[in-house]
Amino acid sequence: MEKIALGMGSLRLLSGTIEVTAAILMIYFGTVERAMMINAGLAIVGPTVLILVTALGLFGLAGEISFVKLVLVFSGAILILIGLWK
């Protein structure tokens, strides 16, 4: 297995673990206020993982695809974040 693919998968696994842990904490605390605080923390985790995994993928593909395509893929990830900005 390629190291970059392993890194990408590991980051997603970590992100998923954080999401599940947050859901359990929301249920445990049982108040809307605490759930919103936990949810606010998750708002930082999701985009960060998206950018890191995309960056790793692009780094792994750097020698295989053209620079223009690398820029287009990275720009697409940035546009997703801009589209979700509240």
N, C-alpha and C. Protein backbone atom coordinates (compact mmCIF):
# COMPACT_ATOMS: atom_id res chain seq x y z
N MET A 1 0.85 -1.18 0.00
CA MET A 1 0.00 0.00 0.00
C MET A 1 0.90 1.24 0.00
N GLU A 2 0.48 2.22 -0.77
CA GLU A 2 1.25 3.46 -0.83
C GLU A 2 1.11 4.23 0.48
N LYS A 3 2.18 4.89 0.87
CA LYS A 3 2.17 5.64 2.13
C LYS A 3 1.17 6.79 2.09
N ILE A 4 1.02 7.44 0.95
CA ILE A 4 0.09 8.57 0.87
C ILE A 4 -1.34 8.08 1.00
N ALA A 5 -1.68 6.97 0.35
CA ALA A 5 -3.02 6.41 0.48
C ALA A 5 -3.29 6.01 1.93
N LEU A 6 -2.30 5.47 2.59
CA LEU A 6 -2.43 5.10 4.00
C LEU A 6 -2.66 6.35 4.85
N GLY A 7 -1.92 7.42 4.56
CA GLY A 7 -2.10 8.68 5.28
C GLY A 7 -3.48 9.27 5.07
N MET A 8 -3.96 9.22 3.82
CA MET A 8 -5.29 9.76 3.51
C MET A 8 -6.37 8.97 4.26
N GLY A 9 -6.25 7.66 4.21
CA GLY A 9 -7.22 6.82 4.90
C GLY A 9 -7.17 7.02 6.41
N SER A 10 -5.96 7.17 6.94
CA SER A 10 -5.81 7.38 8.38
C SER A 10 -6.43 8.69 8.83
N LEU A 11 -6.24 9.75 8.03
CA LEU A 11 -6.85 11.03 8.38
C LEU A 11 -8.37 10.94 8.38
N ARG A 12 -8.93 10.25 7.39
CA ARG A 12 -10.39 10.08 7.32
C ARG A 12 -10.88 9.22 8.49
N LEU A 13 -10.12 8.21 8.86
CA LEU A 13 -10.49 7.37 10.00
C LEU A 13 -10.47 8.18 11.29
N LEU A 14 -9.45 9.01 11.45
CA LEU A 14 -9.37 9.90 12.61
C LEU A 14 -10.56 10.86 12.64
N SER A 15 -10.87 11.42 11.48
CA SER A 15 -12.00 12.35 11.38
C SER A 15 -13.31 11.65 11.76
N GLY A 16 -13.50 10.45 11.26
CA GLY A 16 -14.71 9.69 11.58
C GLY A 16 -14.80 9.36 13.06
N THR A 17 -13.66 9.03 13.65
CA THR A 17 -13.63 8.74 15.09
C THR A 17 -14.00 9.98 15.90
N ILE A 18 -13.50 11.12 15.48
CA ILE A 18 -13.84 12.38 16.16
C ILE A 18 -15.33 12.66 16.03
N GLU A 19 -15.90 12.43 14.85
CA GLU A 19 -17.33 12.66 14.62
C GLU A 19 -18.18 11.75 15.51
N VAL A 20 -17.83 10.48 15.56
CA VAL A 20 -18.60 9.53 16.38
C VAL A 20 -18.47 9.88 17.86
N THR A 21 -17.27 10.23 18.30
CA THR A 21 -17.06 10.63 19.69
C THR A 21 -17.89 11.87 20.01
N ALA A 22 -17.93 12.83 19.09
CA ALA A 22 -18.74 14.03 19.31
C ALA A 22 -20.22 13.69 19.43
N ALA A 23 -20.70 12.78 18.59
CA ALA A 23 -22.11 12.37 18.67
C ALA A 23 -22.41 11.73 20.02
N ILE A 24 -21.52 10.89 20.50
CA ILE A 24 -21.70 10.24 21.80
C ILE A 24 -21.72 11.29 22.92
N LEU A 25 -20.82 12.28 22.83
CA LEU A 25 -20.78 13.35 23.83
C LEU A 25 -22.06 14.18 23.82
N MET A 26 -22.59 14.44 22.62
CA MET A 26 -23.85 15.19 22.52
C MET A 26 -24.97 14.45 23.23
N ILE A 27 -25.03 13.14 23.02
CA ILE A 27 -26.07 12.33 23.68
C ILE A 27 -25.81 12.28 25.18
N TYR A 28 -24.57 12.13 25.58
CA TYR A 28 -24.22 12.05 26.99
C TYR A 28 -24.61 13.31 27.75
N PHE A 29 -24.24 14.48 27.20
CA PHE A 29 -24.56 15.73 27.89
C PHE A 29 -26.03 16.07 27.80
N GLY A 30 -26.68 15.75 26.70
CA GLY A 30 -28.12 15.85 26.59
C GLY A 30 -28.72 17.24 26.58
N THR A 31 -27.93 18.26 26.35
CA THR A 31 -28.50 19.61 26.27
C THR A 31 -28.14 20.23 24.92
N VAL A 32 -29.05 21.06 24.46
CA VAL A 32 -28.83 21.71 23.17
C VAL A 32 -27.60 22.61 23.23
N GLU A 33 -27.39 23.27 24.36
CA GLU A 33 -26.25 24.18 24.49
C GLU A 33 -24.93 23.43 24.33
N ARG A 34 -24.80 22.31 25.03
CA ARG A 34 -23.56 21.51 24.93
C ARG A 34 -23.40 20.93 23.53
N ALA A 35 -24.51 20.47 22.95
CA ALA A 35 -24.45 19.90 21.61
C ALA A 35 -23.98 20.94 20.60
N MET A 36 -24.44 22.18 20.76
CA MET A 36 -24.01 23.24 19.86
C MET A 36 -22.53 23.57 20.04
N MET A 37 -22.05 23.51 21.27
CA MET A 37 -20.63 23.75 21.52
C MET A 37 -19.78 22.66 20.85
N ILE A 38 -20.22 21.44 20.98
CA ILE A 38 -19.50 20.32 20.36
C ILE A 38 -19.56 20.45 18.84
N ASN A 39 -20.72 20.79 18.33
CA ASN A 39 -20.90 20.96 16.88
C ASN A 39 -20.00 22.07 16.34
N ALA A 40 -19.83 23.12 17.10
CA ALA A 40 -18.94 24.21 16.67
C ALA A 40 -17.51 23.72 16.52
N GLY A 41 -17.10 22.86 17.42
CA GLY A 41 -15.76 22.28 17.31
C GLY A 41 -15.62 21.41 16.06
N LEU A 42 -16.68 20.71 15.72
CA LEU A 42 -16.65 19.87 14.52
C LEU A 42 -16.58 20.71 13.24
N ALA A 43 -17.08 21.93 13.31
CA ALA A 43 -17.03 22.81 12.14
C ALA A 43 -15.59 23.14 11.75
N ILE A 44 -14.68 22.98 12.66
CA ILE A 44 -13.26 23.21 12.37
C ILE A 44 -12.61 21.94 11.84
N VAL A 45 -13.03 20.80 12.37
CA VAL A 45 -12.41 19.52 12.01
C VAL A 45 -12.68 19.15 10.55
N GLY A 46 -13.93 19.25 10.11
CA GLY A 46 -14.30 18.82 8.77
C GLY A 46 -13.51 19.49 7.65
N PRO A 47 -13.52 20.81 7.58
CA PRO A 47 -12.77 21.48 6.52
C PRO A 47 -11.26 21.25 6.61
N THR A 48 -10.76 21.15 7.81
CA THR A 48 -9.32 20.91 7.99
C THR A 48 -8.94 19.56 7.40
N VAL A 49 -9.74 18.54 7.70
CA VAL A 49 -9.45 17.21 7.17
C VAL A 49 -9.60 17.21 5.65
N LEU A 50 -10.62 17.90 5.12
CA LEU A 50 -10.80 17.99 3.67
C LEU A 50 -9.54 18.55 3.01
N ILE A 51 -9.04 19.64 3.52
CA ILE A 51 -7.85 20.27 2.94
C ILE A 51 -6.62 19.37 3.07
N LEU A 52 -6.43 18.76 4.24
CA LEU A 52 -5.27 17.90 4.44
C LEU A 52 -5.29 16.68 3.53
N VAL A 53 -6.45 16.03 3.43
CA VAL A 53 -6.54 14.83 2.59
C VAL A 53 -6.36 15.21 1.12
N THR A 54 -6.95 16.33 0.70
CA THR A 54 -6.78 16.79 -0.68
C THR A 54 -5.32 17.12 -0.96
N ALA A 55 -4.67 17.79 -0.02
CA ALA A 55 -3.26 18.14 -0.19
C ALA A 55 -2.39 16.89 -0.29
N LEU A 56 -2.66 15.90 0.55
CA LEU A 56 -1.91 14.65 0.47
C LEU A 56 -2.12 13.97 -0.88
N GLY A 57 -3.37 13.92 -1.32
CA GLY A 57 -3.67 13.31 -2.61
C GLY A 57 -2.97 14.02 -3.76
N LEU A 58 -2.99 15.33 -3.73
CA LEU A 58 -2.33 16.10 -4.78
C LEU A 58 -0.82 15.90 -4.74
N PHE A 59 -0.28 15.83 -3.53
CA PHE A 59 1.15 15.58 -3.39
C PHE A 59 1.51 14.22 -4.00
N GLY A 60 0.65 13.24 -3.77
CA GLY A 60 0.89 11.90 -4.32
C GLY A 60 0.75 11.84 -5.82
N LEU A 61 -0.10 12.69 -6.38
CA LEU A 61 -0.31 12.71 -7.82
C LEU A 61 0.61 13.68 -8.56
N ALA A 62 1.39 14.43 -7.84
CA ALA A 62 2.18 15.52 -8.42
C ALA A 62 3.01 15.09 -9.62
N GLY A 63 3.57 13.93 -9.60
CA GLY A 63 4.39 13.49 -10.71
C GLY A 63 3.61 12.84 -11.84
N GLU A 64 2.32 12.58 -11.62
CA GLU A 64 1.53 11.83 -12.59
C GLU A 64 0.60 12.69 -13.43
N ILE A 65 0.14 13.82 -12.91
CA ILE A 65 -0.78 14.66 -13.68
C ILE A 65 -0.19 16.06 -13.82
N SER A 66 -0.74 16.79 -14.76
CA SER A 66 -0.19 18.12 -15.06
C SER A 66 -0.45 19.11 -13.93
N PHE A 67 0.37 20.14 -13.93
CA PHE A 67 0.23 21.18 -12.91
C PHE A 67 -1.14 21.85 -12.98
N VAL A 68 -1.64 22.05 -14.19
CA VAL A 68 -2.96 22.70 -14.37
C VAL A 68 -4.05 21.86 -13.71
N LYS A 69 -4.00 20.55 -13.89
CA LYS A 69 -5.01 19.68 -13.27
C LYS A 69 -4.88 19.70 -11.75
N LEU A 70 -3.66 19.75 -11.23
CA LEU A 70 -3.46 19.85 -9.78
C LEU A 70 -4.11 21.12 -9.24
N VAL A 71 -3.90 22.22 -9.93
CA VAL A 71 -4.48 23.50 -9.52
C VAL A 71 -6.00 23.44 -9.58
N LEU A 72 -6.55 22.81 -10.62
CA LEU A 72 -8.00 22.71 -10.75
C LEU A 72 -8.62 21.89 -9.60
N VAL A 73 -7.98 20.79 -9.25
CA VAL A 73 -8.51 19.96 -8.16
C VAL A 73 -8.44 20.71 -6.84
N PHE A 74 -7.32 21.35 -6.57
CA PHE A 74 -7.19 22.11 -5.32
C PHE A 74 -8.17 23.28 -5.29
N SER A 75 -8.34 23.93 -6.43
CA SER A 75 -9.30 25.04 -6.52
C SER A 75 -10.72 24.55 -6.25
N GLY A 76 -11.04 23.37 -6.74
CA GLY A 76 -12.36 22.79 -6.48
C GLY A 76 -12.60 22.58 -5.00
N ALA A 77 -11.59 22.10 -4.29
CA ALA A 77 -11.73 21.91 -2.84
C ALA A 77 -11.93 23.25 -2.13
N ILE A 78 -11.20 24.26 -2.58
CA ILE A 78 -11.35 25.60 -1.99
C ILE A 78 -12.75 26.15 -2.28
N LEU A 79 -13.25 25.95 -3.50
CA LEU A 79 -14.59 26.43 -3.84
C LEU A 79 -15.68 25.74 -3.01
N ILE A 80 -15.47 24.48 -2.69
CA ILE A 80 -16.41 23.78 -1.81
C ILE A 80 -16.46 24.48 -0.46
N LEU A 81 -15.31 24.80 0.08
CA LEU A 81 -15.26 25.49 1.38
C LEU A 81 -15.90 26.86 1.30
N ILE A 82 -15.64 27.60 0.21
CA ILE A 82 -16.25 28.93 0.06
C ILE A 82 -17.76 28.80 -0.03
N GLY A 83 -18.24 27.79 -0.74
CA GLY A 83 -19.67 27.57 -0.88
C GLY A 83 -20.36 27.23 0.42
N LEU A 84 -19.62 26.63 1.34
CA LEU A 84 -20.19 26.26 2.64
C LEU A 84 -20.05 27.33 3.69
N TRP A 85 -19.28 28.38 3.39
CA TRP A 85 -19.03 29.46 4.35
C TRP A 85 -20.33 30.18 4.69
N LYS A 86 -20.56 30.37 5.95
CA LYS A 86 -21.82 30.99 6.39
C LYS A 86 -21.60 32.43 6.74
